[in-house]
Amino acid sequence: PRTGLAIRISQLDAPFWQQHFAGA
């Protein structure tokens, strides 16, 4: 994710990721 965080599993359907999704 970013500095200060570890590699993780995230939820694609979370609003943040939906708002920033650019493609696959």
mmCIF file of all heavy atoms, coordinates in Angstrom:
data_MODEL
# 
_entry.id   MODEL 
# 
loop_
_atom_site.group_PDB 
_atom_site.id 
_atom_site.type_symbol 
_atom_site.label_atom_id 
_atom_site.label_alt_id 
_atom_site.label_comp_id 
_atom_site.label_asym_id 
_atom_site.label_entity_id 
_atom_site.label_seq_id 
_atom_site.pdbx_PDB_ins_code 
_atom_site.Cartn_x 
_atom_site.Cartn_y 
_atom_site.Cartn_z 
_atom_site.occupancy 
_atom_site.B_iso_or_equiv 
_atom_site.pdbx_formal_charge 
_atom_site.auth_seq_id 
_atom_site.auth_comp_id 
_atom_site.auth_asym_id 
_atom_site.auth_atom_id 
_atom_site.pdbx_PDB_model_num 
ATOM 1   N N   . PRO A 1 1  ? 0.765   -1.246  0.000   1.00 0.00 ? 1  PRO A N   1 
ATOM 2   C CA  . PRO A 1 1  ? 0.000   0.000   0.000   1.00 0.00 ? 1  PRO A CA  1 
ATOM 3   C C   . PRO A 1 1  ? 0.800   1.303   0.000   1.00 0.00 ? 1  PRO A C   1 
ATOM 4   O O   . PRO A 1 1  ? 0.717   2.066   -0.950  1.00 0.00 ? 1  PRO A O   1 
ATOM 5   C CB  . PRO A 1 1  ? -0.879  -0.106  1.234   1.00 0.00 ? 1  PRO A CB  1 
ATOM 6   C CG  . PRO A 1 1  ? -0.331  -1.189  2.061   1.00 0.00 ? 1  PRO A CG  1 
ATOM 7   C CD  . PRO A 1 1  ? 0.570   -2.018  1.213   1.00 0.00 ? 1  PRO A CD  1 
ATOM 8   N N   . ARG A 1 2  ? 1.551   1.575   1.052   1.00 0.00 ? 2  ARG A N   1 
ATOM 9   C CA  . ARG A 1 2  ? 2.287   2.841   1.131   1.00 0.00 ? 2  ARG A CA  1 
ATOM 10  C C   . ARG A 1 2  ? 3.220   2.781   2.337   1.00 0.00 ? 2  ARG A C   1 
ATOM 11  O O   . ARG A 1 2  ? 3.118   1.906   3.187   1.00 0.00 ? 2  ARG A O   1 
ATOM 12  C CB  . ARG A 1 2  ? 1.346   4.028   1.242   1.00 0.00 ? 2  ARG A CB  1 
ATOM 13  C CG  . ARG A 1 2  ? 0.520   4.061   2.503   1.00 0.00 ? 2  ARG A CG  1 
ATOM 14  C CD  . ARG A 1 2  ? -0.346  5.320   2.585   1.00 0.00 ? 2  ARG A CD  1 
ATOM 15  N NE  . ARG A 1 2  ? -1.065  5.374   3.841   1.00 0.00 ? 2  ARG A NE  1 
ATOM 16  C CZ  . ARG A 1 2  ? -2.259  4.848   4.070   1.00 0.00 ? 2  ARG A CZ  1 
ATOM 17  N NH1 . ARG A 1 2  ? -2.876  4.194   3.106   1.00 0.00 ? 2  ARG A NH1 1 
ATOM 18  N NH2 . ARG A 1 2  ? -2.831  4.961   5.246   1.00 0.00 ? 2  ARG A NH2 1 
ATOM 19  N N   . THR A 1 3  ? 4.123   3.740   2.404   1.00 0.00 ? 3  THR A N   1 
ATOM 20  C CA  . THR A 1 3  ? 5.077   3.824   3.501   1.00 0.00 ? 3  THR A CA  1 
ATOM 21  C C   . THR A 1 3  ? 4.358   3.738   4.843   1.00 0.00 ? 3  THR A C   1 
ATOM 22  O O   . THR A 1 3  ? 3.327   4.377   5.038   1.00 0.00 ? 3  THR A O   1 
ATOM 23  C CB  . THR A 1 3  ? 5.869   5.144   3.406   1.00 0.00 ? 3  THR A CB  1 
ATOM 24  O OG1 . THR A 1 3  ? 6.532   5.175   2.143   1.00 0.00 ? 3  THR A OG1 1 
ATOM 25  C CG2 . THR A 1 3  ? 6.893   5.256   4.515   1.00 0.00 ? 3  THR A CG2 1 
ATOM 26  N N   . GLY A 1 4  ? 4.890   2.925   5.726   1.00 0.00 ? 4  GLY A N   1 
ATOM 27  C CA  . GLY A 1 4  ? 4.319   2.762   7.052   1.00 0.00 ? 4  GLY A CA  1 
ATOM 28  C C   . GLY A 1 4  ? 3.357   1.596   7.156   1.00 0.00 ? 4  GLY A C   1 
ATOM 29  O O   . GLY A 1 4  ? 2.966   1.227   8.255   1.00 0.00 ? 4  GLY A O   1 
ATOM 30  N N   . LEU A 1 5  ? 2.967   1.015   6.026   1.00 0.00 ? 5  LEU A N   1 
ATOM 31  C CA  . LEU A 1 5  ? 2.055   -0.124  6.029   1.00 0.00 ? 5  LEU A CA  1 
ATOM 32  C C   . LEU A 1 5  ? 2.747   -1.342  5.423   1.00 0.00 ? 5  LEU A C   1 
ATOM 33  O O   . LEU A 1 5  ? 3.694   -1.219  4.667   1.00 0.00 ? 5  LEU A O   1 
ATOM 34  C CB  . LEU A 1 5  ? 0.779   0.192   5.250   1.00 0.00 ? 5  LEU A CB  1 
ATOM 35  C CG  . LEU A 1 5  ? -0.098  1.308   5.830   1.00 0.00 ? 5  LEU A CG  1 
ATOM 36  C CD1 . LEU A 1 5  ? -1.269  1.590   4.913   1.00 0.00 ? 5  LEU A CD1 1 
ATOM 37  C CD2 . LEU A 1 5  ? -0.598  0.923   7.223   1.00 0.00 ? 5  LEU A CD2 1 
ATOM 38  N N   . ALA A 1 6  ? 2.228   -2.505  5.744   1.00 0.00 ? 6  ALA A N   1 
ATOM 39  C CA  . ALA A 1 6  ? 2.790   -3.759  5.241   1.00 0.00 ? 6  ALA A CA  1 
ATOM 40  C C   . ALA A 1 6  ? 1.955   -4.279  4.070   1.00 0.00 ? 6  ALA A C   1 
ATOM 41  O O   . ALA A 1 6  ? 0.812   -3.874  3.880   1.00 0.00 ? 6  ALA A O   1 
ATOM 42  C CB  . ALA A 1 6  ? 2.817   -4.793  6.368   1.00 0.00 ? 6  ALA A CB  1 
ATOM 43  N N   . ILE A 1 7  ? 2.533   -5.208  3.334   1.00 0.00 ? 7  ILE A N   1 
ATOM 44  C CA  . ILE A 1 7  ? 1.806   -5.864  2.251   1.00 0.00 ? 7  ILE A CA  1 
ATOM 45  C C   . ILE A 1 7  ? 0.591   -6.547  2.861   1.00 0.00 ? 7  ILE A C   1 
ATOM 46  O O   . ILE A 1 7  ? 0.678   -7.191  3.912   1.00 0.00 ? 7  ILE A O   1 
ATOM 47  C CB  . ILE A 1 7  ? 2.722   -6.860  1.529   1.00 0.00 ? 7  ILE A CB  1 
ATOM 48  C CG1 . ILE A 1 7  ? 3.842   -6.075  0.832   1.00 0.00 ? 7  ILE A CG1 1 
ATOM 49  C CG2 . ILE A 1 7  ? 1.938   -7.701  0.526   1.00 0.00 ? 7  ILE A CG2 1 
ATOM 50  C CD1 . ILE A 1 7  ? 4.941   -6.935  0.301   1.00 0.00 ? 7  ILE A CD1 1 
ATOM 51  N N   . ARG A 1 8  ? -0.546  -6.382  2.204   1.00 0.00 ? 8  ARG A N   1 
ATOM 52  C CA  . ARG A 1 8  ? -1.808  -6.823  2.789   1.00 0.00 ? 8  ARG A CA  1 
ATOM 53  C C   . ARG A 1 8  ? -2.801  -7.225  1.712   1.00 0.00 ? 8  ARG A C   1 
ATOM 54  O O   . ARG A 1 8  ? -2.595  -6.965  0.529   1.00 0.00 ? 8  ARG A O   1 
ATOM 55  C CB  . ARG A 1 8  ? -2.407  -5.707  3.627   1.00 0.00 ? 8  ARG A CB  1 
ATOM 56  C CG  . ARG A 1 8  ? -2.828  -4.516  2.762   1.00 0.00 ? 8  ARG A CG  1 
ATOM 57  C CD  . ARG A 1 8  ? -3.306  -3.344  3.585   1.00 0.00 ? 8  ARG A CD  1 
ATOM 58  N NE  . ARG A 1 8  ? -3.773  -2.271  2.711   1.00 0.00 ? 8  ARG A NE  1 
ATOM 59  C CZ  . ARG A 1 8  ? -4.092  -1.069  3.157   1.00 0.00 ? 8  ARG A CZ  1 
ATOM 60  N NH1 . ARG A 1 8  ? -3.997  -0.776  4.445   1.00 0.00 ? 8  ARG A NH1 1 
ATOM 61  N NH2 . ARG A 1 8  ? -4.524  -0.155  2.309   1.00 0.00 ? 8  ARG A NH2 1 
ATOM 62  N N   . ILE A 1 9  ? -3.897  -7.812  2.169   1.00 0.00 ? 9  ILE A N   1 
ATOM 63  C CA  . ILE A 1 9  ? -5.040  -8.092  1.305   1.00 0.00 ? 9  ILE A CA  1 
ATOM 64  C C   . ILE A 1 9  ? -6.076  -7.008  1.568   1.00 0.00 ? 9  ILE A C   1 
ATOM 65  O O   . ILE A 1 9  ? -6.383  -6.704  2.722   1.00 0.00 ? 9  ILE A O   1 
ATOM 66  C CB  . ILE A 1 9  ? -5.606  -9.496  1.587   1.00 0.00 ? 9  ILE A CB  1 
ATOM 67  C CG1 . ILE A 1 9  ? -4.573  -10.546 1.173   1.00 0.00 ? 9  ILE A CG1 1 
ATOM 68  C CG2 . ILE A 1 9  ? -6.928  -9.697  0.842   1.00 0.00 ? 9  ILE A CG2 1 
ATOM 69  C CD1 . ILE A 1 9  ? -4.965  -11.968 1.506   1.00 0.00 ? 9  ILE A CD1 1 
ATOM 70  N N   . SER A 1 10 ? -6.579  -6.413  0.510   1.00 0.00 ? 10 SER A N   1 
ATOM 71  C CA  . SER A 1 10 ? -7.564  -5.331  0.600   1.00 0.00 ? 10 SER A CA  1 
ATOM 72  C C   . SER A 1 10 ? -8.843  -5.721  -0.126  1.00 0.00 ? 10 SER A C   1 
ATOM 73  O O   . SER A 1 10 ? -8.852  -6.640  -0.946  1.00 0.00 ? 10 SER A O   1 
ATOM 74  C CB  . SER A 1 10 ? -6.995  -4.052  0.003   1.00 0.00 ? 10 SER A CB  1 
ATOM 75  O OG  . SER A 1 10 ? -5.886  -3.610  0.759   1.00 0.00 ? 10 SER A OG  1 
ATOM 76  N N   . GLN A 1 11 ? -9.911  -5.004  0.174   1.00 0.00 ? 11 GLN A N   1 
ATOM 77  C CA  . GLN A 1 11 ? -11.228 -5.258  -0.412  1.00 0.00 ? 11 GLN A CA  1 
ATOM 78  C C   . GLN A 1 11 ? -11.464 -4.330  -1.600  1.00 0.00 ? 11 GLN A C   1 
ATOM 79  O O   . GLN A 1 11 ? -11.568 -3.122  -1.430  1.00 0.00 ? 11 GLN A O   1 
ATOM 80  C CB  . GLN A 1 11 ? -12.323 -5.020  0.632   1.00 0.00 ? 11 GLN A CB  1 
ATOM 81  C CG  . GLN A 1 11 ? -12.349 -6.052  1.749   1.00 0.00 ? 11 GLN A CG  1 
ATOM 82  C CD  . GLN A 1 11 ? -12.696 -7.434  1.246   1.00 0.00 ? 11 GLN A CD  1 
ATOM 83  O OE1 . GLN A 1 11 ? -12.008 -8.393  1.566   1.00 0.00 ? 11 GLN A OE1 1 
ATOM 84  N NE2 . GLN A 1 11 ? -13.745 -7.568  0.458   1.00 0.00 ? 11 GLN A NE2 1 
ATOM 85  N N   . LEU A 1 12 ? -11.577 -4.916  -2.788  1.00 0.00 ? 12 LEU A N   1 
ATOM 86  C CA  . LEU A 1 12 ? -11.795 -4.130  -4.001  1.00 0.00 ? 12 LEU A CA  1 
ATOM 87  C C   . LEU A 1 12 ? -13.112 -3.372  -3.969  1.00 0.00 ? 12 LEU A C   1 
ATOM 88  O O   . LEU A 1 12 ? -13.229 -2.291  -4.532  1.00 0.00 ? 12 LEU A O   1 
ATOM 89  C CB  . LEU A 1 12 ? -11.744 -5.040  -5.226  1.00 0.00 ? 12 LEU A CB  1 
ATOM 90  C CG  . LEU A 1 12 ? -11.921 -4.359  -6.583  1.00 0.00 ? 12 LEU A CG  1 
ATOM 91  C CD1 . LEU A 1 12 ? -10.853 -3.292  -6.816  1.00 0.00 ? 12 LEU A CD1 1 
ATOM 92  C CD2 . LEU A 1 12 ? -11.888 -5.397  -7.695  1.00 0.00 ? 12 LEU A CD2 1 
ATOM 93  N N   . ASP A 1 13 ? -14.103 -3.910  -3.286  1.00 0.00 ? 13 ASP A N   1 
ATOM 94  C CA  . ASP A 1 13 ? -15.414 -3.245  -3.265  1.00 0.00 ? 13 ASP A CA  1 
ATOM 95  C C   . ASP A 1 13 ? -15.514 -2.152  -2.198  1.00 0.00 ? 13 ASP A C   1 
ATOM 96  O O   . ASP A 1 13 ? -16.558 -1.521  -2.052  1.00 0.00 ? 13 ASP A O   1 
ATOM 97  C CB  . ASP A 1 13 ? -16.557 -4.251  -3.142  1.00 0.00 ? 13 ASP A CB  1 
ATOM 98  C CG  . ASP A 1 13 ? -16.383 -5.251  -2.013  1.00 0.00 ? 13 ASP A CG  1 
ATOM 99  O OD1 . ASP A 1 13 ? -15.406 -5.124  -1.233  1.00 0.00 ? 13 ASP A OD1 1 
ATOM 100 O OD2 . ASP A 1 13 ? -17.208 -6.168  -1.917  1.00 0.00 ? 13 ASP A OD2 1 
ATOM 101 N N   . ALA A 1 14 ? -14.429 -1.864  -1.483  1.00 0.00 ? 14 ALA A N   1 
ATOM 102 C CA  . ALA A 1 14 ? -14.419 -0.740  -0.544  1.00 0.00 ? 14 ALA A CA  1 
ATOM 103 C C   . ALA A 1 14 ? -14.551 0.567   -1.344  1.00 0.00 ? 14 ALA A C   1 
ATOM 104 O O   . ALA A 1 14 ? -14.011 0.684   -2.445  1.00 0.00 ? 14 ALA A O   1 
ATOM 105 C CB  . ALA A 1 14 ? -13.132 -0.728  0.270   1.00 0.00 ? 14 ALA A CB  1 
ATOM 106 N N   . PRO A 1 15 ? -15.265 1.540   -0.809  1.00 0.00 ? 15 PRO A N   1 
ATOM 107 C CA  . PRO A 1 15 ? -15.485 2.793   -1.544  1.00 0.00 ? 15 PRO A CA  1 
ATOM 108 C C   . PRO A 1 15 ? -14.197 3.461   -2.043  1.00 0.00 ? 15 PRO A C   1 
ATOM 109 O O   . PRO A 1 15 ? -14.159 3.948   -3.175  1.00 0.00 ? 15 PRO A O   1 
ATOM 110 C CB  . PRO A 1 15 ? -16.215 3.681   -0.533  1.00 0.00 ? 15 PRO A CB  1 
ATOM 111 C CG  . PRO A 1 15 ? -16.926 2.711   0.351   1.00 0.00 ? 15 PRO A CG  1 
ATOM 112 C CD  . PRO A 1 15 ? -16.020 1.515   0.447   1.00 0.00 ? 15 PRO A CD  1 
ATOM 113 N N   . PHE A 1 16 ? -13.146 3.473   -1.231  1.00 0.00 ? 16 PHE A N   1 
ATOM 114 C CA  . PHE A 1 16 ? -11.895 4.104   -1.661  1.00 0.00 ? 16 PHE A CA  1 
ATOM 115 C C   . PHE A 1 16 ? -11.384 3.499   -2.959  1.00 0.00 ? 16 PHE A C   1 
ATOM 116 O O   . PHE A 1 16 ? -11.037 4.208   -3.903  1.00 0.00 ? 16 PHE A O   1 
ATOM 117 C CB  . PHE A 1 16 ? -10.820 3.978   -0.569  1.00 0.00 ? 16 PHE A CB  1 
ATOM 118 C CG  . PHE A 1 16 ? -9.493  4.550   -0.985  1.00 0.00 ? 16 PHE A CG  1 
ATOM 119 C CD1 . PHE A 1 16 ? -9.238  5.901   -0.852  1.00 0.00 ? 16 PHE A CD1 1 
ATOM 120 C CD2 . PHE A 1 16 ? -8.517  3.738   -1.536  1.00 0.00 ? 16 PHE A CD2 1 
ATOM 121 C CE1 . PHE A 1 16 ? -8.017  6.439   -1.249  1.00 0.00 ? 16 PHE A CE1 1 
ATOM 122 C CE2 . PHE A 1 16 ? -7.297  4.256   -1.940  1.00 0.00 ? 16 PHE A CE2 1 
ATOM 123 C CZ  . PHE A 1 16 ? -7.042  5.620   -1.797  1.00 0.00 ? 16 PHE A CZ  1 
ATOM 124 N N   . TRP A 1 17 ? -11.334 2.162   -3.005  1.00 0.00 ? 17 TRP A N   1 
ATOM 125 C CA  . TRP A 1 17 ? -10.781 1.500   -4.190  1.00 0.00 ? 17 TRP A CA  1 
ATOM 126 C C   . TRP A 1 17 ? -11.715 1.671   -5.386  1.00 0.00 ? 17 TRP A C   1 
ATOM 127 O O   . TRP A 1 17 ? -11.250 1.827   -6.512  1.00 0.00 ? 17 TRP A O   1 
ATOM 128 C CB  . TRP A 1 17 ? -10.499 0.030   -3.896  1.00 0.00 ? 17 TRP A CB  1 
ATOM 129 C CG  . TRP A 1 17 ? -9.439  -0.118  -2.851  1.00 0.00 ? 17 TRP A CG  1 
ATOM 130 C CD1 . TRP A 1 17 ? -9.582  -0.640  -1.610  1.00 0.00 ? 17 TRP A CD1 1 
ATOM 131 C CD2 . TRP A 1 17 ? -8.083  0.313   -2.945  1.00 0.00 ? 17 TRP A CD2 1 
ATOM 132 N NE1 . TRP A 1 17 ? -8.397  -0.563  -0.921  1.00 0.00 ? 17 TRP A NE1 1 
ATOM 133 C CE2 . TRP A 1 17 ? -7.453  0.024   -1.720  1.00 0.00 ? 17 TRP A CE2 1 
ATOM 134 C CE3 . TRP A 1 17 ? -7.325  0.923   -3.952  1.00 0.00 ? 17 TRP A CE3 1 
ATOM 135 C CZ2 . TRP A 1 17 ? -6.118  0.306   -1.467  1.00 0.00 ? 17 TRP A CZ2 1 
ATOM 136 C CZ3 . TRP A 1 17 ? -5.994  1.215   -3.697  1.00 0.00 ? 17 TRP A CZ3 1 
ATOM 137 C CH2 . TRP A 1 17 ? -5.400  0.908   -2.475  1.00 0.00 ? 17 TRP A CH2 1 
ATOM 138 N N   . GLN A 1 18 ? -12.994 1.666   -5.183  1.00 0.00 ? 18 GLN A N   1 
ATOM 139 C CA  . GLN A 1 18 ? -13.938 1.871   -6.284  1.00 0.00 ? 18 GLN A CA  1 
ATOM 140 C C   . GLN A 1 18 ? -13.778 3.278   -6.873  1.00 0.00 ? 18 GLN A C   1 
ATOM 141 O O   . GLN A 1 18 ? -13.834 3.459   -8.083  1.00 0.00 ? 18 GLN A O   1 
ATOM 142 C CB  . GLN A 1 18 ? -15.377 1.646   -5.810  1.00 0.00 ? 18 GLN A CB  1 
ATOM 143 C CG  . GLN A 1 18 ? -15.691 0.184   -5.516  1.00 0.00 ? 18 GLN A CG  1 
ATOM 144 C CD  . GLN A 1 18 ? -15.545 -0.692  -6.742  1.00 0.00 ? 18 GLN A CD  1 
ATOM 145 O OE1 . GLN A 1 18 ? -16.186 -0.459  -7.755  1.00 0.00 ? 18 GLN A OE1 1 
ATOM 146 N NE2 . GLN A 1 18 ? -14.668 -1.691  -6.660  1.00 0.00 ? 18 GLN A NE2 1 
ATOM 147 N N   . GLN A 1 19 ? -13.575 4.259   -6.015  1.00 0.00 ? 19 GLN A N   1 
ATOM 148 C CA  . GLN A 1 19 ? -13.428 5.641   -6.483  1.00 0.00 ? 19 GLN A CA  1 
ATOM 149 C C   . GLN A 1 19 ? -12.141 5.845   -7.278  1.00 0.00 ? 19 GLN A C   1 
ATOM 150 O O   . GLN A 1 19 ? -12.086 6.715   -8.142  1.00 0.00 ? 19 GLN A O   1 
ATOM 151 C CB  . GLN A 1 19 ? -13.439 6.621   -5.299  1.00 0.00 ? 19 GLN A CB  1 
ATOM 152 C CG  . GLN A 1 19 ? -14.778 6.731   -4.612  1.00 0.00 ? 19 GLN A CG  1 
ATOM 153 C CD  . GLN A 1 19 ? -14.671 7.396   -3.243  1.00 0.00 ? 19 GLN A CD  1 
ATOM 154 O OE1 . GLN A 1 19 ? -13.612 7.858   -2.842  1.00 0.00 ? 19 GLN A OE1 1 
ATOM 155 N NE2 . GLN A 1 19 ? -15.783 7.405   -2.524  1.00 0.00 ? 19 GLN A NE2 1 
ATOM 156 N N   . HIS A 1 20 ? -11.113 5.066   -6.986  1.00 0.00 ? 20 HIS A N   1 
ATOM 157 C CA  . HIS A 1 20 ? -9.805  5.260   -7.615  1.00 0.00 ? 20 HIS A CA  1 
ATOM 158 C C   . HIS A 1 20 ? -9.479  4.211   -8.681  1.00 0.00 ? 20 HIS A C   1 
ATOM 159 O O   . HIS A 1 20 ? -8.401  4.248   -9.269  1.00 0.00 ? 20 HIS A O   1 
ATOM 160 C CB  . HIS A 1 20 ? -8.712  5.274   -6.545  1.00 0.00 ? 20 HIS A CB  1 
ATOM 161 C CG  . HIS A 1 20 ? -8.823  6.451   -5.624  1.00 0.00 ? 20 HIS A CG  1 
ATOM 162 N ND1 . HIS A 1 20 ? -8.337  7.689   -5.948  1.00 0.00 ? 20 HIS A ND1 1 
ATOM 163 C CD2 . HIS A 1 20 ? -9.399  6.573   -4.407  1.00 0.00 ? 20 HIS A CD2 1 
ATOM 164 C CE1 . HIS A 1 20 ? -8.589  8.533   -4.962  1.00 0.00 ? 20 HIS A CE1 1 
ATOM 165 N NE2 . HIS A 1 20 ? -9.242  7.881   -4.008  1.00 0.00 ? 20 HIS A NE2 1 
ATOM 166 N N   . PHE A 1 21 ? -10.405 3.293   -8.938  1.00 0.00 ? 21 PHE A N   1 
ATOM 167 C CA  . PHE A 1 21 ? -10.152 2.206   -9.889  1.00 0.00 ? 21 PHE A CA  1 
ATOM 168 C C   . PHE A 1 21 ? -9.953  2.759   -11.299 1.00 0.00 ? 21 PHE A C   1 
ATOM 169 O O   . PHE A 1 21 ? -10.729 3.576   -11.774 1.00 0.00 ? 21 PHE A O   1 
ATOM 170 C CB  . PHE A 1 21 ? -11.325 1.224   -9.871  1.00 0.00 ? 21 PHE A CB  1 
ATOM 171 C CG  . PHE A 1 21 ? -11.102 0.007   -10.724 1.00 0.00 ? 21 PHE A CG  1 
ATOM 172 C CD1 . PHE A 1 21 ? -10.214 -0.975  -10.320 1.00 0.00 ? 21 PHE A CD1 1 
ATOM 173 C CD2 . PHE A 1 21 ? -11.773 -0.148  -11.927 1.00 0.00 ? 21 PHE A CD2 1 
ATOM 174 C CE1 . PHE A 1 21 ? -10.001 -2.108  -11.104 1.00 0.00 ? 21 PHE A CE1 1 
ATOM 175 C CE2 . PHE A 1 21 ? -11.562 -1.273  -12.707 1.00 0.00 ? 21 PHE A CE2 1 
ATOM 176 C CZ  . PHE A 1 21 ? -10.670 -2.258  -12.299 1.00 0.00 ? 21 PHE A CZ  1 
ATOM 177 N N   . ALA A 1 22 ? -8.876  2.307   -11.955 1.00 0.00 ? 22 ALA A N   1 
ATOM 178 C CA  . ALA A 1 22 ? -8.553  2.800   -13.306 1.00 0.00 ? 22 ALA A CA  1 
ATOM 179 C C   . ALA A 1 22 ? -8.667  1.726   -14.370 1.00 0.00 ? 22 ALA A C   1 
ATOM 180 O O   . ALA A 1 22 ? -8.721  2.037   -15.561 1.00 0.00 ? 22 ALA A O   1 
ATOM 181 C CB  . ALA A 1 22 ? -7.132  3.383   -13.317 1.00 0.00 ? 22 ALA A CB  1 
ATOM 182 N N   . GLY A 1 23 ? -8.693  0.455   -13.979 1.00 0.00 ? 23 GLY A N   1 
ATOM 183 C CA  . GLY A 1 23 ? -8.790  -0.612  -14.970 1.00 0.00 ? 23 GLY A CA  1 
ATOM 184 C C   . GLY A 1 23 ? -8.061  -1.864  -14.532 1.00 0.00 ? 23 GLY A C   1 
ATOM 185 O O   . GLY A 1 23 ? -7.398  -1.888  -13.493 1.00 0.00 ? 23 GLY A O   1 
ATOM 186 N N   . ALA A 1 24 ? -8.185  -2.903  -15.349 1.00 0.00 ? 24 ALA A N   1 
ATOM 187 C CA  . ALA A 1 24 ? -7.561  -4.194  -15.046 1.00 0.00 ? 24 ALA A CA  1 
ATOM 188 C C   . ALA A 1 24 ? -6.892  -4.746  -16.302 1.00 0.00 ? 24 ALA A C   1 
ATOM 189 O O   . ALA A 1 24 ? -7.310  -4.445  -17.426 1.00 0.00 ? 24 ALA A O   1 
ATOM 190 C CB  . ALA A 1 24 ? -8.610  -5.175  -14.527 1.00 0.00 ? 24 ALA A CB  1 
# 
